[in-house]
Amino acid sequence: MCISFDYCKTDTVRDYSFNEINEKDEIELLFTRFQKKRRINIYYSDLVISEQTNSFSFFNGISSIDSAAIFLPKSGVGLVHELGHTFGLYHIFEKKFGFEKVDGTDCATTGDMICDTPAAIDVFHDKKTCEYYGNTIDVNGDYYKMELGNFMSHYFCAHCFFTTEQYEKMASNFLNAPIKLW
């Protein structure tokens, strides 16, 4: 995207009740008490919501003066994925808009609404080997083929890329954000 980030400051939250963030209410509380405006705040804790989730950010957080926040485990796993959400990307298996057909004919209006990511669903993978072992079919009877390497999947052991359209969407959201964070 040709943007860079500056490291501004490290603060330590000395309230140990935030060592494990088990509910979104705790995220909201942490956010309202410690969030700094005009920057992407990154919060680290032992656990974020659950072992399965373990990271969180506000969708398109760059569009508001104070909503760019990322919550991560202390390992930092999921940072790039959550930056994707912060810059306006959905999961490649997004179901909010309906599951995309495997042939991609509805890619602009379903799934992640990006056409160069394959149609995907978030089920059936081995977290140790990162292998997809599902055999789910779409409404046309076509089999889903999971893209394990995309940052916007939940296969944290295999992340390695964004697609061109994902980069373009993040850059567009950044350039069109009414509030510039930096």
C-alpha atoms as a PDB file:
ATOM      1  CA  MET A   1       0.000   0.000   0.000  1.00  0.00           C
ATOM      2  CA  CYS A   2       3.083   2.211   0.223  1.00  0.00           C
ATOM      3  CA  ILE A   3       2.313   3.550   3.684  1.00  0.00           C
ATOM      4  CA  SER A   4       4.585   3.320   6.665  1.00  0.00           C
ATOM      5  CA  PHE A   5       4.029   3.234  10.379  1.00  0.00           C
ATOM      6  CA  ASP A   6       5.929   5.018  13.121  1.00  0.00           C
ATOM      7  CA  TYR A   7       6.362   3.588  16.557  1.00  0.00           C
ATOM      8  CA  CYS A   8       5.013   6.332  18.805  1.00  0.00           C
ATOM      9  CA  LYS A   9       5.003   5.152  22.375  1.00  0.00           C
ATOM     10  CA  THR A  10       4.667   2.179  24.680  1.00  0.00           C
ATOM     11  CA  ASP A  11       2.328   2.422  27.647  1.00  0.00           C
ATOM     12  CA  THR A  12       1.769  -0.290  30.195  1.00  0.00           C
ATOM     13  CA  VAL A  13      -1.730  -0.857  31.498  1.00  0.00           C
ATOM     14  CA  ARG A  14      -1.172  -1.741  35.127  1.00  0.00           C
ATOM     15  CA  ASP A  15      -4.617  -3.184  35.617  1.00  0.00           C
ATOM     16  CA  TYR A  16      -4.084  -6.945  35.652  1.00  0.00           C
ATOM     17  CA  SER A  17      -7.770  -7.630  35.190  1.00  0.00           C
ATOM     18  CA  PHE A  18      -6.997  -7.072  31.485  1.00  0.00           C
ATOM     19  CA  ASN A  19      -4.447  -9.924  31.317  1.00  0.00           C
ATOM     20  CA  GLU A  20      -7.252 -11.993  29.844  1.00  0.00           C
ATOM     21  CA  ILE A  21      -9.926 -10.255  27.819  1.00  0.00           C
ATOM     22  CA  ASN A  22     -12.812 -12.703  27.857  1.00  0.00           C
ATOM     23  CA  GLU A  23     -15.676 -10.573  26.554  1.00  0.00           C
ATOM     24  CA  LYS A  24     -16.198  -7.787  24.069  1.00  0.00           C
ATOM     25  CA  ASP A  25     -17.396  -5.644  27.004  1.00  0.00           C
ATOM     26  CA  GLU A  26     -13.868  -5.831  28.408  1.00  0.00           C
ATOM     27  CA  ILE A  27     -12.488  -4.720  25.046  1.00  0.00           C
ATOM     28  CA  GLU A  28     -14.822  -1.728  25.128  1.00  0.00           C
ATOM     29  CA  LEU A  29     -13.759  -0.889  28.687  1.00  0.00           C
ATOM     30  CA  LEU A  30     -10.054  -1.140  27.877  1.00  0.00           C
ATOM     31  CA  PHE A  31     -10.629   0.862  24.723  1.00  0.00           C
ATOM     32  CA  THR A  32     -12.510   3.689  26.451  1.00  0.00           C
ATOM     33  CA  ARG A  33     -10.021   3.938  29.327  1.00  0.00           C
ATOM     34  CA  PHE A  34      -6.744   3.815  27.414  1.00  0.00           C
ATOM     35  CA  GLN A  35      -7.305   4.540  23.710  1.00  0.00           C
ATOM     36  CA  LYS A  36      -5.175   7.324  22.219  1.00  0.00           C
ATOM     37  CA  LYS A  37      -6.696   9.257  19.334  1.00  0.00           C
ATOM     38  CA  ARG A  38      -5.197   9.492  15.821  1.00  0.00           C
ATOM     39  CA  ARG A  39      -3.161   6.312  15.977  1.00  0.00           C
ATOM     40  CA  ILE A  40      -3.528   2.580  15.707  1.00  0.00           C
ATOM     41  CA  ASN A  41      -3.388   1.414  19.319  1.00  0.00           C
ATOM     42  CA  ILE A  42      -2.222  -2.157  19.823  1.00  0.00           C
ATOM     43  CA  TYR A  43      -3.119  -3.917  23.069  1.00  0.00           C
ATOM     44  CA  TYR A  44      -1.431  -7.176  24.086  1.00  0.00           C
ATOM     45  CA  SER A  45      -2.787  -9.599  26.679  1.00  0.00           C
ATOM     46  CA  ASP A  46      -2.532 -13.275  27.577  1.00  0.00           C
ATOM     47  CA  LEU A  47      -5.865 -14.107  25.955  1.00  0.00           C
ATOM     48  CA  VAL A  48      -8.251 -12.182  23.694  1.00  0.00           C
ATOM     49  CA  ILE A  49     -11.857 -13.443  23.861  1.00  0.00           C
ATOM     50  CA  SER A  50     -11.021 -17.139  23.363  1.00  0.00           C
ATOM     51  CA  GLU A  51      -8.336 -19.552  22.196  1.00  0.00           C
ATOM     52  CA  GLN A  52     -10.120 -19.752  18.822  1.00  0.00           C
ATOM     53  CA  THR A  53     -10.493 -15.986  18.318  1.00  0.00           C
ATOM     54  CA  ASN A  54      -7.472 -14.615  20.182  1.00  0.00           C
ATOM     55  CA  SER A  55      -7.345 -11.303  18.306  1.00  0.00           C
ATOM     56  CA  PHE A  56      -9.799  -8.499  17.621  1.00  0.00           C
ATOM     57  CA  SER A  57      -9.989  -5.118  15.899  1.00  0.00           C
ATOM     58  CA  PHE A  58     -12.633  -2.614  14.884  1.00  0.00           C
ATOM     59  CA  PHE A  59     -13.663  -2.978  11.241  1.00  0.00           C
ATOM     60  CA  ASN A  60     -12.410  -0.050   9.158  1.00  0.00           C
ATOM     61  CA  GLY A  61     -11.072   1.595  12.319  1.00  0.00           C
ATOM     62  CA  ILE A  62      -9.103   4.081  10.242  1.00  0.00           C
ATOM     63  CA  SER A  63     -12.337   5.870   9.379  1.00  0.00           C
ATOM     64  CA  SER A  64     -12.702   7.361  12.861  1.00  0.00           C
ATOM     65  CA  ILE A  65     -10.430   9.493  15.021  1.00  0.00           C
ATOM     66  CA  ASP A  66     -10.436   6.986  17.876  1.00  0.00           C
ATOM     67  CA  SER A  67     -11.494   3.545  16.668  1.00  0.00           C
ATOM     68  CA  ALA A  68      -8.218   2.179  15.305  1.00  0.00           C
ATOM     69  CA  ALA A  69      -7.423  -0.434  17.943  1.00  0.00           C
ATOM     70  CA  ILE A  70      -6.061  -3.952  17.717  1.00  0.00           C
ATOM     71  CA  PHE A  71      -6.181  -6.511  20.547  1.00  0.00           C
ATOM     72  CA  LEU A  72      -3.658  -9.344  20.318  1.00  0.00           C
ATOM     73  CA  PRO A  73      -2.151 -12.148  22.354  1.00  0.00           C
ATOM     74  CA  LYS A  74       1.329 -11.352  23.666  1.00  0.00           C
ATOM     75  CA  SER A  75       2.793 -13.484  20.861  1.00  0.00           C
ATOM     76  CA  GLY A  76       1.543 -10.922  18.325  1.00  0.00           C
ATOM     77  CA  VAL A  77      -0.104 -13.643  16.235  1.00  0.00           C
ATOM     78  CA  GLY A  78      -2.842 -12.122  14.104  1.00  0.00           C
ATOM     79  CA  LEU A  79      -1.403  -8.594  13.793  1.00  0.00           C
ATOM     80  CA  VAL A  80      -1.435  -8.449   9.986  1.00  0.00           C
ATOM     81  CA  HIS A  81      -4.896 -10.067   9.900  1.00  0.00           C
ATOM     82  CA  GLU A  82      -6.246  -7.421  12.292  1.00  0.00           C
ATOM     83  CA  LEU A  83      -4.566  -4.638  10.313  1.00  0.00           C
ATOM     84  CA  GLY A  84      -6.558  -5.958   7.355  1.00  0.00           C
ATOM     85  CA  HIS A  85      -9.789  -5.462   9.326  1.00  0.00           C
ATOM     86  CA  THR A  86      -8.612  -2.039  10.532  1.00  0.00           C
ATOM     87  CA  PHE A  87      -8.150  -1.018   6.896  1.00  0.00           C
ATOM     88  CA  GLY A  88     -11.570  -2.362   5.877  1.00  0.00           C
ATOM     89  CA  LEU A  89     -11.164  -6.005   4.855  1.00  0.00           C
ATOM     90  CA  TYR A  90     -13.583  -8.783   5.725  1.00  0.00           C
ATOM     91  CA  HIS A  91     -12.673 -12.434   6.243  1.00  0.00           C
ATOM     92  CA  ILE A  92     -12.390 -14.356   2.993  1.00  0.00           C
ATOM     93  CA  PHE A  93     -15.147 -16.615   4.371  1.00  0.00           C
ATOM     94  CA  GLU A  94     -17.394 -13.700   5.404  1.00  0.00           C
ATOM     95  CA  LYS A  95     -20.998 -14.812   5.830  1.00  0.00           C
ATOM     96  CA  LYS A  96     -22.492 -11.401   6.687  1.00  0.00           C
ATOM     97  CA  PHE A  97     -23.378 -10.869   3.015  1.00  0.00           C
ATOM     98  CA  GLY A  98     -24.023 -14.526   2.192  1.00  0.00           C
ATOM     99  CA  PHE A  99     -21.552 -17.158   1.081  1.00  0.00           C
ATOM    100  CA  GLU A 100     -19.969 -16.548  -2.286  1.00  0.00           C
ATOM    101  CA  LYS A 101     -20.509 -19.091  -5.049  1.00  0.00           C
ATOM    102  CA  VAL A 102     -17.404 -21.060  -5.978  1.00  0.00           C
ATOM    103  CA  ASP A 103     -17.623 -19.851  -9.592  1.00  0.00           C
ATOM    104  CA  GLY A 104     -17.349 -16.254  -8.340  1.00  0.00           C
ATOM    105  CA  THR A 105     -20.356 -14.921 -10.242  1.00  0.00           C
ATOM    106  CA  ASP A 106     -21.565 -13.089  -7.119  1.00  0.00           C
ATOM    107  CA  CYS A 107     -18.129 -12.093  -5.768  1.00  0.00           C
ATOM    108  CA  ALA A 108     -18.820  -8.339  -5.686  1.00  0.00           C
ATOM    109  CA  THR A 109     -21.868  -8.679  -3.426  1.00  0.00           C
ATOM    110  CA  THR A 110     -21.235 -11.760  -1.246  1.00  0.00           C
ATOM    111  CA  GLY A 111     -18.443 -13.218   0.857  1.00  0.00           C
ATOM    112  CA  ASP A 112     -15.663 -10.673   1.369  1.00  0.00           C
ATOM    113  CA  MET A 113     -16.920  -8.694  -1.670  1.00  0.00           C
ATOM    114  CA  ILE A 114     -13.521  -8.993  -3.331  1.00  0.00           C
ATOM    115  CA  CYS A 115     -13.309 -10.900  -6.590  1.00  0.00           C
ATOM    116  CA  ASP A 116      -9.694 -12.064  -6.620  1.00  0.00           C
ATOM    117  CA  THR A 117     -10.057 -14.077  -3.411  1.00  0.00           C
ATOM    118  CA  PRO A 118     -11.576 -17.529  -3.817  1.00  0.00           C
ATOM    119  CA  ALA A 119     -14.991 -18.337  -2.396  1.00  0.00           C
ATOM    120  CA  ALA A 120     -14.398 -19.744   1.070  1.00  0.00           C
ATOM    121  CA  ILE A 121     -16.054 -21.004   4.214  1.00  0.00           C
ATOM    122  CA  ASP A 122     -14.528 -21.163   7.685  1.00  0.00           C
ATOM    123  CA  VAL A 123     -14.750 -24.795   8.672  1.00  0.00           C
ATOM    124  CA  PHE A 124     -12.792 -28.027   8.773  1.00  0.00           C
ATOM    125  CA  HIS A 125      -9.115 -27.380   9.166  1.00  0.00           C
ATOM    126  CA  ASP A 126      -6.393 -28.965  11.206  1.00  0.00           C
ATOM    127  CA  LYS A 127      -4.737 -26.229  13.283  1.00  0.00           C
ATOM    128  CA  LYS A 128      -1.504 -28.209  13.584  1.00  0.00           C
ATOM    129  CA  THR A 129      -0.987 -28.995   9.900  1.00  0.00           C
ATOM    130  CA  CYS A 130      -3.068 -26.151   8.397  1.00  0.00           C
ATOM    131  CA  GLU A 131      -4.776 -28.604   6.100  1.00  0.00           C
ATOM    132  CA  TYR A 132      -8.331 -28.096   4.923  1.00  0.00           C
ATOM    133  CA  TYR A 133     -10.300 -31.336   5.046  1.00  0.00           C
ATOM    134  CA  GLY A 134     -13.825 -30.200   4.318  1.00  0.00           C
ATOM    135  CA  ASN A 135     -16.042 -31.223   1.460  1.00  0.00           C
ATOM    136  CA  THR A 136     -18.631 -28.458   1.593  1.00  0.00           C
ATOM    137  CA  ILE A 137     -20.414 -27.494  -1.602  1.00  0.00           C
ATOM    138  CA  ASP A 138     -22.052 -24.226  -2.623  1.00  0.00           C
ATOM    139  CA  VAL A 139     -25.615 -23.712  -3.936  1.00  0.00           C
ATOM    140  CA  ASN A 140     -24.498 -24.850  -7.410  1.00  0.00           C
ATOM    141  CA  GLY A 141     -22.974 -28.084  -6.108  1.00  0.00           C
ATOM    142  CA  ASP A 142     -19.373 -26.899  -6.547  1.00  0.00           C
ATOM    143  CA  TYR A 143     -16.781 -27.735  -3.882  1.00  0.00           C
ATOM    144  CA  TYR A 144     -15.159 -24.922  -1.909  1.00  0.00           C
ATOM    145  CA  LYS A 145     -11.361 -24.780  -2.115  1.00  0.00           C
ATOM    146  CA  MET A 146      -9.927 -23.031   0.906  1.00  0.00           C
ATOM    147  CA  GLU A 147      -7.194 -20.450   0.541  1.00  0.00           C
ATOM    148  CA  LEU A 148      -5.062 -21.131   3.585  1.00  0.00           C
ATOM    149  CA  GLY A 149      -2.365 -18.539   2.890  1.00  0.00           C
ATOM    150  CA  ASN A 150      -4.466 -15.382   2.718  1.00  0.00           C
ATOM    151  CA  PHE A 151      -4.052 -13.086   5.718  1.00  0.00           C
ATOM    152  CA  MET A 152      -7.833 -12.694   5.965  1.00  0.00           C
ATOM    153  CA  SER A 153      -8.453 -16.402   6.546  1.00  0.00           C
ATOM    154  CA  HIS A 154      -8.242 -17.757  10.075  1.00  0.00           C
ATOM    155  CA  TYR A 155      -5.416 -20.139   9.304  1.00  0.00           C
ATOM    156  CA  PHE A 156      -2.824 -18.324  11.389  1.00  0.00           C
ATOM    157  CA  CYS A 157      -0.155 -20.961  10.767  1.00  0.00           C
ATOM    158  CA  ALA A 158      -0.177 -20.354   7.018  1.00  0.00           C
ATOM    159  CA  HIS A 159      -0.573 -16.602   6.441  1.00  0.00           C
ATOM    160  CA  CYS A 160       1.610 -15.155   3.754  1.00  0.00           C
ATOM    161  CA  PHE A 161      -0.254 -12.748   1.398  1.00  0.00           C
ATOM    162  CA  PHE A 162      -3.009 -10.290   0.535  1.00  0.00           C
ATOM    163  CA  THR A 163      -4.408 -10.265  -2.999  1.00  0.00           C
ATOM    164  CA  THR A 164      -4.120  -7.285  -5.336  1.00  0.00           C
ATOM    165  CA  GLU A 165      -7.766  -6.304  -4.802  1.00  0.00           C
ATOM    166  CA  GLN A 166      -7.349  -6.568  -1.037  1.00  0.00           C
ATOM    167  CA  TYR A 167      -4.391  -4.159  -1.223  1.00  0.00           C
ATOM    168  CA  GLU A 168      -6.412  -1.841  -3.444  1.00  0.00           C
ATOM    169  CA  LYS A 169      -9.361  -1.842  -1.030  1.00  0.00           C
ATOM    170  CA  MET A 170      -7.145  -1.108   1.982  1.00  0.00           C
ATOM    171  CA  ALA A 171      -5.401   1.723   0.119  1.00  0.00           C
ATOM    172  CA  SER A 172      -8.725   3.159  -1.033  1.00  0.00           C
ATOM    173  CA  ASN A 173     -10.161   3.020   2.489  1.00  0.00           C
ATOM    174  CA  PHE A 174      -7.045   4.728   3.832  1.00  0.00           C
ATOM    175  CA  LEU A 175      -7.090   7.474   1.186  1.00  0.00           C
ATOM    176  CA  ASN A 176     -10.843   8.056   1.579  1.00  0.00           C
ATOM    177  CA  ALA A 177     -10.923   8.005   5.373  1.00  0.00           C
ATOM    178  CA  PRO A 178     -12.371  11.289   6.650  1.00  0.00           C
ATOM    179  CA  ILE A 179      -9.884  11.298   9.505  1.00  0.00           C
ATOM    180  CA  LYS A 180      -6.175  10.897   8.869  1.00  0.00           C
ATOM    181  CA  LEU A 181      -4.538   9.046  11.725  1.00  0.00           C
ATOM    182  CA  TRP A 182      -1.069  10.278  10.900  1.00  0.00           C
END
